Amino acid sequence: MSSVPEPGDAIGERDHLVDAVRGEDGAYLAAKDAGRDKDIKFILGIDGLPDEGVEWVNKGYLTATFLYATPGAEGLRQAVKLLKGEKIPPLITLPTMVIDKTNAPDILKKNGLL
């Protein structure tokens, strides 16, 4: 009986039934290391780093990736408000940006990578 790999596990020979991956950009590297990068479709990444995720989208290795704000700065802003006695919202949605084949080249150019 075959087991389903946990997120972040390397894709190896035992995972021969894997034909598509949705997840972190690192899954592409794991598949490449296992010689599986040509026969697996990488649908989505979540690390929109210009020299990895964006480059891979531009080359067609990933369908898309996301660039997202880390919560630290916003968390500090809200903590300061709370300490001042101000009301804070119960839900805060941070901005994200979808990076796909339509905007990947522009992002690479802006970062001096194309």
PDB file of N, CA and C in Angstrom:
ATOM      1  N   MET A   1       0.838  -1.171   0.000  1.00  0.00           N
ATOM      2  CA  MET A   1       0.000   0.000   0.000  1.00  0.00           C
ATOM      3  C   MET A   1       0.888   1.241   0.000  1.00  0.00           C
ATOM      4  N   SER A   2       0.610   2.208  -0.866  1.00  0.00           N
ATOM      5  CA  SER A   2       1.395   3.428  -0.996  1.00  0.00           C
ATOM      6  C   SER A   2       0.910   4.476  -0.007  1.00  0.00           C
ATOM      7  N   SER A   3       1.855   5.189   0.600  1.00  0.00           N
ATOM      8  CA  SER A   3       1.466   6.256   1.523  1.00  0.00           C
ATOM      9  C   SER A   3       1.496   7.591   0.801  1.00  0.00           C
ATOM     10  N   VAL A   4       0.681   8.519   1.264  1.00  0.00           N
ATOM     11  CA  VAL A   4       0.658   9.863   0.705  1.00  0.00           C
ATOM     12  C   VAL A   4       1.730  10.679   1.401  1.00  0.00           C
ATOM     13  N   PRO A   5       2.638  11.304   0.644  1.00  0.00           N
ATOM     14  CA  PRO A   5       3.698  12.090   1.278  1.00  0.00           C
ATOM     15  C   PRO A   5       3.136  13.291   2.012  1.00  0.00           C
ATOM     16  N   GLU A   6       3.754  13.629   3.116  1.00  0.00           N
ATOM     17  CA  GLU A   6       3.393  14.828   3.855  1.00  0.00           C
ATOM     18  C   GLU A   6       3.946  16.043   3.118  1.00  0.00           C
ATOM     19  N   PRO A   7       3.330  17.243   3.303  1.00  0.00           N
ATOM     20  CA  PRO A   7       3.892  18.443   2.680  1.00  0.00           C
ATOM     21  C   PRO A   7       5.349  18.620   3.083  1.00  0.00           C
ATOM     22  N   GLY A   8       6.171  18.934   2.113  1.00  0.00           N
ATOM     23  CA  GLY A   8       7.585  19.149   2.385  1.00  0.00           C
ATOM     24  C   GLY A   8       8.432  17.905   2.194  1.00  0.00           C
ATOM     25  N   ASP A   9       7.805  16.708   2.106  1.00  0.00           N
ATOM     26  CA  ASP A   9       8.573  15.493   1.862  1.00  0.00           C
ATOM     27  C   ASP A   9       9.174  15.538   0.466  1.00  0.00           C
ATOM     28  N   ALA A  10      10.311  14.931   0.306  1.00  0.00           N
ATOM     29  CA  ALA A  10      10.917  14.839  -1.016  1.00  0.00           C
ATOM     30  C   ALA A  10      10.085  13.930  -1.900  1.00  0.00           C
ATOM     31  N   ILE A  11      10.094  14.223  -3.179  1.00  0.00           N
ATOM     32  CA  ILE A  11       9.390  13.388  -4.146  1.00  0.00           C
ATOM     33  C   ILE A  11      10.406  12.409  -4.702  1.00  0.00           C
ATOM     34  N   GLY A  12      10.201  11.161  -4.422  1.00  0.00           N
ATOM     35  CA  GLY A  12      11.162  10.156  -4.841  1.00  0.00           C
ATOM     36  C   GLY A  12      10.541   9.099  -5.724  1.00  0.00           C
ATOM     37  N   GLU A  13      11.278   8.036  -5.922  1.00  0.00           N
ATOM     38  CA  GLU A  13      10.813   6.958  -6.790  1.00  0.00           C
ATOM     39  C   GLU A  13       9.540   6.314  -6.270  1.00  0.00           C
ATOM     40  N   ARG A  14       9.370   6.248  -4.965  1.00  0.00           N
ATOM     41  CA  ARG A  14       8.178   5.606  -4.413  1.00  0.00           C
ATOM     42  C   ARG A  14       6.915   6.396  -4.720  1.00  0.00           C
ATOM     43  N   ASP A  15       7.067   7.656  -5.106  1.00  0.00           N
ATOM     44  CA  ASP A  15       5.928   8.518  -5.380  1.00  0.00           C
ATOM     45  C   ASP A  15       5.636   8.588  -6.876  1.00  0.00           C
ATOM     46  N   HIS A  16       5.751   7.468  -7.560  1.00  0.00           N
ATOM     47  CA  HIS A  16       5.586   7.440  -9.012  1.00  0.00           C
ATOM     48  C   HIS A  16       4.181   7.802  -9.469  1.00  0.00           C
ATOM     49  N   LEU A  17       3.196   7.786  -8.570  1.00  0.00           N
ATOM     50  CA  LEU A  17       1.835   8.138  -8.944  1.00  0.00           C
ATOM     51  C   LEU A  17       1.579   9.647  -8.897  1.00  0.00           C
ATOM     52  N   VAL A  18       2.512  10.412  -8.374  1.00  0.00           N
ATOM     53  CA  VAL A  18       2.350  11.861  -8.304  1.00  0.00           C
ATOM     54  C   VAL A  18       2.508  12.432  -9.711  1.00  0.00           C
ATOM     55  N   ASP A  19       1.467  13.155 -10.171  1.00  0.00           N
ATOM     56  CA  ASP A  19       1.581  13.778 -11.486  1.00  0.00           C
ATOM     57  C   ASP A  19       1.306  15.277 -11.454  1.00  0.00           C
ATOM     58  N   ALA A  20       0.880  15.793 -10.300  1.00  0.00           N
ATOM     59  CA  ALA A  20       0.661  17.233 -10.136  1.00  0.00           C
ATOM     60  C   ALA A  20       0.901  17.592  -8.677  1.00  0.00           C
ATOM     61  N   VAL A  21       1.417  18.800  -8.461  1.00  0.00           N
ATOM     62  CA  VAL A  21       1.723  19.258  -7.113  1.00  0.00           C
ATOM     63  C   VAL A  21       1.174  20.666  -6.938  1.00  0.00           C
ATOM     64  N   ARG A  22       0.495  20.878  -5.810  1.00  0.00           N
ATOM     65  CA  ARG A  22       0.068  22.207  -5.399  1.00  0.00           C
ATOM     66  C   ARG A  22       0.723  22.440  -4.056  1.00  0.00           C
ATOM     67  N   GLY A  23       1.529  23.455  -3.967  1.00  0.00           N
ATOM     68  CA  GLY A  23       2.197  23.681  -2.689  1.00  0.00           C
ATOM     69  C   GLY A  23       3.375  24.606  -2.812  1.00  0.00           C
ATOM     70  N   GLU A  24       4.307  24.435  -1.930  1.00  0.00           N
ATOM     71  CA  GLU A  24       5.449  25.310  -1.863  1.00  0.00           C
ATOM     72  C   GLU A  24       6.368  25.144  -3.066  1.00  0.00           C
ATOM     73  N   ASP A  25       7.060  26.239  -3.387  1.00  0.00           N
ATOM     74  CA  ASP A  25       7.989  26.207  -4.511  1.00  0.00           C
ATOM     75  C   ASP A  25       9.070  25.153  -4.322  1.00  0.00           C
ATOM     76  N   GLY A  26       9.377  24.807  -3.081  1.00  0.00           N
ATOM     77  CA  GLY A  26      10.402  23.808  -2.793  1.00  0.00           C
ATOM     78  C   GLY A  26      10.065  22.435  -3.334  1.00  0.00           C
ATOM     79  N   ALA A  27       8.793  22.168  -3.616  1.00  0.00           N
ATOM     80  CA  ALA A  27       8.401  20.883  -4.190  1.00  0.00           C
ATOM     81  C   ALA A  27       9.051  20.683  -5.556  1.00  0.00           C
ATOM     82  N   TYR A  28       9.227  21.775  -6.287  1.00  0.00           N
ATOM     83  CA  TYR A  28       9.891  21.671  -7.590  1.00  0.00           C
ATOM     84  C   TYR A  28      11.329  21.183  -7.419  1.00  0.00           C
ATOM     85  N   LEU A  29      12.026  21.737  -6.440  1.00  0.00           N
ATOM     86  CA  LEU A  29      13.415  21.318  -6.207  1.00  0.00           C
ATOM     87  C   LEU A  29      13.493  19.850  -5.807  1.00  0.00           C
ATOM     88  N   ALA A  30      12.546  19.409  -4.970  1.00  0.00           N
ATOM     89  CA  ALA A  30      12.533  18.002  -4.565  1.00  0.00           C
ATOM     90  C   ALA A  30      12.299  17.100  -5.768  1.00  0.00           C
ATOM     91  N   ALA A  31      11.382  17.484  -6.632  1.00  0.00           N
ATOM     92  CA  ALA A  31      11.116  16.679  -7.827  1.00  0.00           C
ATOM     93  C   ALA A  31      12.314  16.693  -8.769  1.00  0.00           C
ATOM     94  N   LYS A  32      12.959  17.829  -8.894  1.00  0.00           N
ATOM     95  CA  LYS A  32      14.143  17.923  -9.760  1.00  0.00           C
ATOM     96  C   LYS A  32      15.244  17.010  -9.244  1.00  0.00           C
ATOM     97  N   ASP A  33      15.454  17.026  -7.922  1.00  0.00           N
ATOM     98  CA  ASP A  33      16.465  16.153  -7.318  1.00  0.00           C
ATOM     99  C   ASP A  33      16.170  14.679  -7.584  1.00  0.00           C
ATOM    100  N   ALA A  34      14.872  14.339  -7.660  1.00  0.00           N
ATOM    101  CA  ALA A  34      14.468  12.946  -7.888  1.00  0.00           C
ATOM    102  C   ALA A  34      14.350  12.622  -9.376  1.00  0.00           C
ATOM    103  N   GLY A  35      14.669  13.600 -10.243  1.00  0.00           N
ATOM    104  CA  GLY A  35      14.561  13.369 -11.682  1.00  0.00           C
ATOM    105  C   GLY A  35      13.118  13.332 -12.175  1.00  0.00           C
ATOM    106  N   ARG A  36      12.196  13.921 -11.434  1.00  0.00           N
ATOM    107  CA  ARG A  36      10.771  13.880 -11.781  1.00  0.00           C
ATOM    108  C   ARG A  36      10.241  15.229 -12.258  1.00  0.00           C
ATOM    109  N   ASP A  37      11.076  16.249 -12.396  1.00  0.00           N
ATOM    110  CA  ASP A  37      10.602  17.597 -12.702  1.00  0.00           C
ATOM    111  C   ASP A  37       9.953  17.735 -14.078  1.00  0.00           C
ATOM    112  N   LYS A  38      10.251  16.836 -15.000  1.00  0.00           N
ATOM    113  CA  LYS A  38       9.668  16.926 -16.351  1.00  0.00           C
ATOM    114  C   LYS A  38       8.302  16.253 -16.443  1.00  0.00           C
ATOM    115  N   ASP A  39       8.010  15.312 -15.562  1.00  0.00           N
ATOM    116  CA  ASP A  39       6.745  14.577 -15.678  1.00  0.00           C
ATOM    117  C   ASP A  39       5.717  14.936 -14.614  1.00  0.00           C
ATOM    118  N   ILE A  40       5.982  15.995 -13.830  1.00  0.00           N
ATOM    119  CA  ILE A  40       5.026  16.453 -12.824  1.00  0.00           C
ATOM    120  C   ILE A  40       4.648  17.890 -13.158  1.00  0.00           C
ATOM    121  N   LYS A  41       3.365  18.198 -13.100  1.00  0.00           N
ATOM    122  CA  LYS A  41       2.900  19.561 -13.323  1.00  0.00           C
ATOM    123  C   LYS A  41       2.868  20.273 -11.969  1.00  0.00           C
ATOM    124  N   PHE A  42       3.531  21.395 -11.888  1.00  0.00           N
ATOM    125  CA  PHE A  42       3.574  22.185 -10.667  1.00  0.00           C
ATOM    126  C   PHE A  42       2.587  23.332 -10.816  1.00  0.00           C
ATOM    127  N   ILE A  43       1.497  23.241 -10.071  1.00  0.00           N
ATOM    128  CA  ILE A  43       0.373  24.134 -10.260  1.00  0.00           C
ATOM    129  C   ILE A  43       0.545  25.462  -9.537  1.00  0.00           C
ATOM    130  N   LEU A  44       1.067  25.430  -8.327  1.00  0.00           N
ATOM    131  CA  LEU A  44       1.061  26.641  -7.527  1.00  0.00           C
ATOM    132  C   LEU A  44       2.181  26.633  -6.508  1.00  0.00           C
ATOM    133  N   GLY A  45       2.805  27.767  -6.331  1.00  0.00           N
ATOM    134  CA  GLY A  45       3.797  27.937  -5.295  1.00  0.00           C
ATOM    135  C   GLY A  45       3.372  29.045  -4.358  1.00  0.00           C
ATOM    136  N   ILE A  46       4.013  29.148  -3.221  1.00  0.00           N
ATOM    137  CA  ILE A  46       3.649  30.202  -2.278  1.00  0.00           C
ATOM    138  C   ILE A  46       4.837  31.050  -1.845  1.00  0.00           C
ATOM    139  N   ASP A  47       5.938  30.926  -2.513  1.00  0.00           N
ATOM    140  CA  ASP A  47       7.106  31.739  -2.176  1.00  0.00           C
ATOM    141  C   ASP A  47       7.478  32.556  -3.402  1.00  0.00           C
ATOM    142  N   GLY A  48       6.904  33.739  -3.534  1.00  0.00           N
ATOM    143  CA  GLY A  48       7.138  34.548  -4.723  1.00  0.00           C
ATOM    144  C   GLY A  48       8.483  35.234  -4.733  1.00  0.00           C
ATOM    145  N   LEU A  49       9.528  34.499  -4.434  1.00  0.00           N
ATOM    146  CA  LEU A  49      10.877  35.064  -4.445  1.00  0.00           C
ATOM    147  C   LEU A  49      11.334  35.231  -5.893  1.00  0.00           C
ATOM    148  N   PRO A  50      11.845  36.411  -6.252  1.00  0.00           N
ATOM    149  CA  PRO A  50      12.213  36.650  -7.646  1.00  0.00           C
ATOM    150  C   PRO A  50      13.198  35.639  -8.227  1.00  0.00           C
ATOM    151  N   ASP A  51      14.193  35.220  -7.440  1.00  0.00           N
ATOM    152  CA  ASP A  51      15.215  34.327  -7.992  1.00  0.00           C
ATOM    153  C   ASP A  51      14.836  32.853  -7.914  1.00  0.00           C
ATOM    154  N   GLU A  52      13.663  32.535  -7.406  1.00  0.00           N
ATOM    155  CA  GLU A  52      13.189  31.149  -7.391  1.00  0.00           C
ATOM    156  C   GLU A  52      11.790  31.077  -7.975  1.00  0.00           C
ATOM    157  N   GLY A  53      10.766  31.317  -7.154  1.00  0.00           N
ATOM    158  CA  GLY A  53       9.386  31.145  -7.592  1.00  0.00           C
ATOM    159  C   GLY A  53       9.030  31.913  -8.849  1.00  0.00           C
ATOM    160  N   VAL A  54       9.399  33.194  -8.911  1.00  0.00           N
ATOM    161  CA  VAL A  54       9.061  34.012 -10.084  1.00  0.00           C
ATOM    162  C   VAL A  54       9.816  33.508 -11.310  1.00  0.00           C
ATOM    163  N   GLU A  55      11.060  33.157 -11.121  1.00  0.00           N
ATOM    164  CA  GLU A  55      11.869  32.613 -12.229  1.00  0.00           C
ATOM    165  C   GLU A  55      11.259  31.321 -12.749  1.00  0.00           C
ATOM    166  N   TRP A  56      10.796  30.467 -11.844  1.00  0.00           N
ATOM    167  CA  TRP A  56      10.208  29.187 -12.247  1.00  0.00           C
ATOM    168  C   TRP A  56       8.886  29.383 -12.971  1.00  0.00           C
ATOM    169  N   VAL A  57       8.104  30.383 -12.548  1.00  0.00           N
ATOM    170  CA  VAL A  57       6.868  30.700 -13.275  1.00  0.00           C
ATOM    171  C   VAL A  57       7.224  31.179 -14.677  1.00  0.00           C
ATOM    172  N   ASN A  58       8.206  32.046 -14.759  1.00  0.00           N
ATOM    173  CA  ASN A  58       8.623  32.585 -16.056  1.00  0.00           C
ATOM    174  C   ASN A  58       9.107  31.485 -17.000  1.00  0.00           C
ATOM    175  N   LYS A  59       9.778  30.478 -16.451  1.00  0.00           N
ATOM    176  CA  LYS A  59      10.276  29.372 -17.269  1.00  0.00           C
ATOM    177  C   LYS A  59       9.236  28.287 -17.516  1.00  0.00           C
ATOM    178  N   GLY A  60       8.065  28.417 -16.866  1.00  0.00           N
ATOM    179  CA  GLY A  60       7.007  27.432 -17.060  1.00  0.00           C
ATOM    180  C   GLY A  60       7.064  26.239 -16.134  1.00  0.00           C
ATOM    181  N   TYR A  61       7.954  26.249 -15.143  1.00  0.00           N
ATOM    182  CA  TYR A  61       8.031  25.140 -14.192  1.00  0.00           C
ATOM    183  C   TYR A  61       6.842  25.158 -13.235  1.00  0.00           C
ATOM    184  N   LEU A  62       6.395  26.365 -12.852  1.00  0.00           N
ATOM    185  CA  LEU A  62       5.220  26.556 -12.006  1.00  0.00           C
ATOM    186  C   LEU A  62       4.167  27.311 -12.802  1.00  0.00           C
ATOM    187  N   THR A  63       2.896  27.031 -12.544  1.00  0.00           N
ATOM    188  CA  THR A  63       1.826  27.773 -13.182  1.00  0.00           C
ATOM    189  C   THR A  63       1.715  29.161 -12.565  1.00  0.00           C
ATOM    190  N   ALA A  64       1.834  29.246 -11.239  1.00  0.00           N
ATOM    191  CA  ALA A  64       1.749  30.530 -10.541  1.00  0.00           C
ATOM    192  C   ALA A  64       2.387  30.401  -9.169  1.00  0.00           C
ATOM    193  N   THR A  65       2.695  31.544  -8.575  1.00  0.00           N
ATOM    194  CA  THR A  65       3.151  31.613  -7.204  1.00  0.00           C
ATOM    195  C   THR A  65       2.551  32.873  -6.592  1.00  0.00           C
ATOM    196  N   PHE A  66       2.686  33.039  -5.307  1.00  0.00           N
ATOM    197  CA  PHE A  66       2.128  34.200  -4.624  1.00  0.00           C
ATOM    198  C   PHE A  66       3.206  34.950  -3.870  1.00  0.00           C
ATOM    199  N   LEU A  67       3.077  36.249  -3.860  1.00  0.00           N
ATOM    200  CA  LEU A  67       3.896  37.105  -3.023  1.00  0.00           C
ATOM    201  C   LEU A  67       2.962  37.636  -1.945  1.00  0.00           C
ATOM    202  N   TYR A  68       3.325  37.477  -0.711  1.00  0.00           N
ATOM    203  CA  TYR A  68       2.433  37.856   0.373  1.00  0.00           C
ATOM    204  C   TYR A  68       3.215  38.581   1.470  1.00  0.00           C
ATOM    205  N   ALA A  69       2.509  39.474   2.134  1.00  0.00           N
ATOM    206  CA  ALA A  69       3.109  40.218   3.237  1.00  0.00           C
ATOM    207  C   ALA A  69       3.222  39.308   4.457  1.00  0.00           C
ATOM    208  N   THR A  70       4.347  39.367   5.127  1.00  0.00           N
ATOM    209  CA  THR A  70       4.465  38.631   6.387  1.00  0.00           C
ATOM    210  C   THR A  70       3.716  39.413   7.461  1.00  0.00           C
ATOM    211  N   PRO A  71       3.182  38.746   8.464  1.00  0.00           N
ATOM    212  CA  PRO A  71       2.288  39.413   9.417  1.00  0.00           C
ATOM    213  C   PRO A  71       2.969  40.214  10.523  1.00  0.00           C
ATOM    214  N   GLY A  72       4.274  40.180  10.626  1.00  0.00           N
ATOM    215  CA  GLY A  72       4.952  40.816  11.746  1.00  0.00           C
ATOM    216  C   GLY A  72       4.688  42.306  11.885  1.00  0.00           C
ATOM    217  N   ALA A  73       4.867  43.073  10.817  1.00  0.00           N
ATOM    218  CA  ALA A  73       4.694  44.530  10.896  1.00  0.00           C
ATOM    219  C   ALA A  73       3.254  44.900  11.243  1.00  0.00           C
ATOM    220  N   GLU A  74       2.307  44.241  10.593  1.00  0.00           N
ATOM    221  CA  GLU A  74       0.899  44.537  10.876  1.00  0.00           C
ATOM    222  C   GLU A  74       0.540  44.128  12.302  1.00  0.00           C
ATOM    223  N   GLY A  75       1.076  43.027  12.767  1.00  0.00           N
ATOM    224  CA  GLY A  75       0.840  42.598  14.139  1.00  0.00           C
ATOM    225  C   GLY A  75       1.329  43.637  15.144  1.00  0.00           C
ATOM    226  N   LEU A  76       2.492  44.211  14.873  1.00  0.00           N
ATOM    227  CA  LEU A  76       3.027  45.261  15.758  1.00  0.00           C
ATOM    228  C   LEU A  76       2.150  46.510  15.725  1.00  0.00           C
ATOM    229  N   ARG A  77       1.689  46.893  14.527  1.00  0.00           N
ATOM    230  CA  ARG A  77       0.804  48.058  14.426  1.00  0.00           C
ATOM    231  C   ARG A  77      -0.462  47.855  15.249  1.00  0.00           C
ATOM    232  N   GLN A  78      -1.025  46.668  15.144  1.00  0.00           N
ATOM    233  CA  GLN A  78      -2.251  46.382  15.889  1.00  0.00           C
ATOM    234  C   GLN A  78      -1.990  46.310  17.392  1.00  0.00           C
ATOM    235  N   ALA A  79      -0.843  45.782  17.791  1.00  0.00           N
ATOM    236  CA  ALA A  79      -0.498  45.720  19.218  1.00  0.00           C
ATOM    237  C   ALA A  79      -0.365  47.121  19.804  1.00  0.00           C
ATOM    238  N   VAL A  80       0.241  48.036  19.062  1.00  0.00           N
ATOM    239  CA  VAL A  80       0.378  49.419  19.526  1.00  0.00           C
ATOM    240  C   VAL A  80      -1.004  50.052  19.696  1.00  0.00           C
ATOM    241  N   LYS A  81      -1.885  49.825  18.716  1.00  0.00           N
ATOM    242  CA  LYS A  81      -3.255  50.340  18.838  1.00  0.00           C
ATOM    243  C   LYS A  81      -3.939  49.793  20.089  1.00  0.00           C
ATOM    244  N   LEU A  82      -3.791  48.505  20.307  1.00  0.00           N
ATOM    245  CA  LEU A  82      -4.415  47.859  21.465  1.00  0.00           C
ATOM    246  C   LEU A  82      -3.882  48.453  22.771  1.00  0.00           C
ATOM    247  N   LEU A  83      -2.571  48.660  22.832  1.00  0.00           N
ATOM    248  CA  LEU A  83      -1.961  49.235  24.034  1.00  0.00           C
ATOM    249  C   LEU A  83      -2.414  50.676  24.283  1.00  0.00           C
ATOM    250  N   LYS A  84      -2.771  51.354  23.209  1.00  0.00           N
ATOM    251  CA  LYS A  84      -3.279  52.729  23.328  1.00  0.00           C
ATOM    252  C   LYS A  84      -4.770  52.759  23.643  1.00  0.00           C
ATOM    253  N   GLY A  85      -5.389  51.594  23.748  1.00  0.00           N
ATOM    254  CA  GLY A  85      -6.805  51.530  24.047  1.00  0.00           C
ATOM    255  C   GLY A  85      -7.710  51.661  22.833  1.00  0.00           C
ATOM    256  N   GLU A  86      -7.119  51.647  21.653  1.00  0.00           N
ATOM    257  CA  GLU A  86      -7.905  51.759  20.424  1.00  0.00           C
ATOM    258  C   GLU A  86      -8.520  50.408  20.079  1.00  0.00           C
ATOM    259  N   LYS A  87      -9.626  50.461  19.343  1.00  0.00           N
ATOM    260  CA  LYS A  87     -10.248  49.220  18.876  1.00  0.00           C
ATOM    261  C   LYS A  87      -9.449  48.675  17.702  1.00  0.00           C
ATOM    262  N   ILE A  88      -9.351  47.372  17.665  1.00  0.00           N
ATOM    263  CA  ILE A  88      -8.700  46.731  16.522  1.00  0.00           C
ATOM    264  C   ILE A  88      -9.715  45.793  15.873  1.00  0.00           C
ATOM    265  N   PRO A  89      -9.611  45.621  14.573  1.00  0.00           N
ATOM    266  CA  PRO A  89     -10.562  44.751  13.879  1.00  0.00           C
ATOM    267  C   PRO A  89     -10.346  43.286  14.257  1.00  0.00           C
ATOM    268  N   PRO A  90     -11.423  42.504  14.260  1.00  0.00           N
ATOM    269  CA  PRO A  90     -11.284  41.085  14.607  1.00  0.00           C
ATOM    270  C   PRO A  90     -10.598  40.267  13.508  1.00  0.00           C
ATOM    271  N   LEU A  91     -10.592  40.797  12.290  1.00  0.00           N
ATOM    272  CA  LEU A  91      -9.975  40.086  11.164  1.00  0.00           C
ATOM    273  C   LEU A  91      -9.218  41.088  10.301  1.00  0.00           C
ATOM    274  N   ILE A  92      -7.984  40.762   9.993  1.00  0.00           N
ATOM    275  CA  ILE A  92      -7.168  41.609   9.120  1.00  0.00           C
ATOM    276  C   ILE A  92      -6.671  40.742   7.976  1.00  0.00           C
ATOM    277  N   THR A  93      -6.968  41.168   6.759  1.00  0.00           N
ATOM    278  CA  THR A  93      -6.514  40.439   5.577  1.00  0.00           C
ATOM    279  C   THR A  93      -5.324  41.175   4.990  1.00  0.00           C
ATOM    280  N   LEU A  94      -4.215  40.486   4.903  1.00  0.00           N
ATOM    281  CA  LEU A  94      -3.001  41.080   4.341  1.00  0.00           C
ATOM    282  C   LEU A  94      -3.008  40.937   2.819  1.00  0.00           C
ATOM    283  N   PRO A  95      -2.379  41.876   2.123  1.00  0.00           N
ATOM    284  CA  PRO A  95      -2.380  41.821   0.656  1.00  0.00           C
ATOM    285  C   PRO A  95      -1.519  40.680   0.118  1.00  0.00           C
ATOM    286  N   THR A  96      -1.965  40.134  -0.989  1.00  0.00           N
ATOM    287  CA  THR A  96      -1.179  39.135  -1.717  1.00  0.00           C
ATOM    288  C   THR A  96      -1.174  39.519  -3.191  1.00  0.00           C
ATOM    289  N   MET A  97      -0.232  38.985  -3.911  1.00  0.00           N
ATOM    290  CA  MET A  97      -0.165  39.223  -5.348  1.00  0.00           C
ATOM    291  C   MET A  97       0.050  37.892  -6.053  1.00  0.00           C
ATOM    292  N   VAL A  98      -0.786  37.608  -7.022  1.00  0.00           N
ATOM    293  CA  VAL A  98      -0.609  36.419  -7.849  1.00  0.00           C
ATOM    294  C   VAL A  98       0.457  36.726  -8.892  1.00  0.00           C
ATOM    295  N   ILE A  99       1.410  35.830  -8.997  1.00  0.00           N
ATOM    296  CA  ILE A  99       2.459  35.959 -10.010  1.00  0.00           C
ATOM    297  C   ILE A  99       2.267  34.815 -10.991  1.00  0.00           C
ATOM    298  N   ASP A 100       1.994  35.162 -12.242  1.00  0.00           N
ATOM    299  CA  ASP A 100       1.821  34.152 -13.280  1.00  0.00           C
ATOM    300  C   ASP A 100       2.598  34.585 -14.516  1.00  0.00           C
ATOM    301  N   LYS A 101       2.365  33.920 -15.628  1.00  0.00           N
ATOM    302  CA  LYS A 101       3.159  34.210 -16.830  1.00  0.00           C
ATOM    303  C   LYS A 101       2.924  35.620 -17.360  1.00  0.00           C
ATOM    304  N   THR A 102       1.826  36.281 -16.945  1.00  0.00           N
ATOM    305  CA  THR A 102       1.560  37.633 -17.440  1.00  0.00           C
ATOM    306  C   THR A 102       2.388  38.698 -16.745  1.00  0.00           C
ATOM    307  N   ASN A 103       2.775  38.488 -15.477  1.00  0.00           N
ATOM    308  CA  ASN A 103       3.531  39.523 -14.764  1.00  0.00           C
ATOM    309  C   ASN A 103       4.921  39.078 -14.300  1.00  0.00           C
ATOM    310  N   ALA A 104       5.243  37.805 -14.441  1.00  0.00           N
ATOM    311  CA  ALA A 104       6.566  37.322 -14.005  1.00  0.00           C
ATOM    312  C   ALA A 104       7.720  38.048 -14.699  1.00  0.00           C
ATOM    313  N   PRO A 105       7.663  38.262 -16.035  1.00  0.00           N
ATOM    314  CA  PRO A 105       8.784  38.969 -16.673  1.00  0.00           C
ATOM    315  C   PRO A 105       9.003  40.378 -16.113  1.00  0.00           C
ATOM    316  N   ASP A 106       7.918  41.102 -15.826  1.00  0.00           N
ATOM    317  CA  ASP A 106       8.053  42.454 -15.270  1.00  0.00           C
ATOM    318  C   ASP A 106       8.704  42.428 -13.900  1.00  0.00           C
ATOM    319  N   ILE A 107       8.322  41.466 -13.073  1.00  0.00           N
ATOM    320  CA  ILE A 107       8.905  41.351 -11.737  1.00  0.00           C
ATOM    321  C   ILE A 107      10.387  41.014 -11.826  1.00  0.00           C
ATOM    322  N   LEU A 108      10.742  40.117 -12.741  1.00  0.00           N
ATOM    323  CA  LEU A 108      12.154  39.778 -12.924  1.00  0.00           C
ATOM    324  C   LEU A 108      12.957  40.981 -13.403  1.00  0.00           C
ATOM    325  N   LYS A 109      12.384  41.754 -14.330  1.00  0.00           N
ATOM    326  CA  LYS A 109      13.075  42.970 -14.810  1.00  0.00           C
ATOM    327  C   LYS A 109      13.288  43.963 -13.681  1.00  0.00           C
ATOM    328  N   LYS A 110      12.252  44.169 -12.850  1.00  0.00           N
ATOM    329  CA  LYS A 110      12.365  45.115 -11.737  1.00  0.00           C
ATOM    330  C   LYS A 110      13.422  44.684 -10.724  1.00  0.00           C
ATOM    331  N   ASN A 111      13.703  43.397 -10.659  1.00  0.00           N
ATOM    332  CA  ASN A 111      14.712  42.874  -9.726  1.00  0.00           C
ATOM    333  C   ASN A 111      16.043  42.600 -10.404  1.00  0.00           C
ATOM    334  N   GLY A 112      16.213  43.070 -11.650  1.00  0.00           N
ATOM    335  CA  GLY A 112      17.478  42.917 -12.376  1.00  0.00           C
ATOM    336  C   GLY A 112      17.806  41.481 -12.743  1.00  0.00           C
ATOM    337  N   LEU A 113      16.785  40.638 -12.883  1.00  0.00           N
ATOM    338  CA  LEU A 113      17.026  39.221 -13.185  1.00  0.00           C
ATOM    339  C   LEU A 113      16.642  38.839 -14.611  1.00  0.00           C
ATOM    340  N   LEU A 114      16.239  39.813 -15.406  1.00  0.00           N
ATOM    341  CA  LEU A 114      15.882  39.516 -16.801  1.00  0.00           C
ATOM    342  C   LEU A 114      16.345  40.631 -17.690  1.00  0.00           C
TER     343      LEU A 114
END
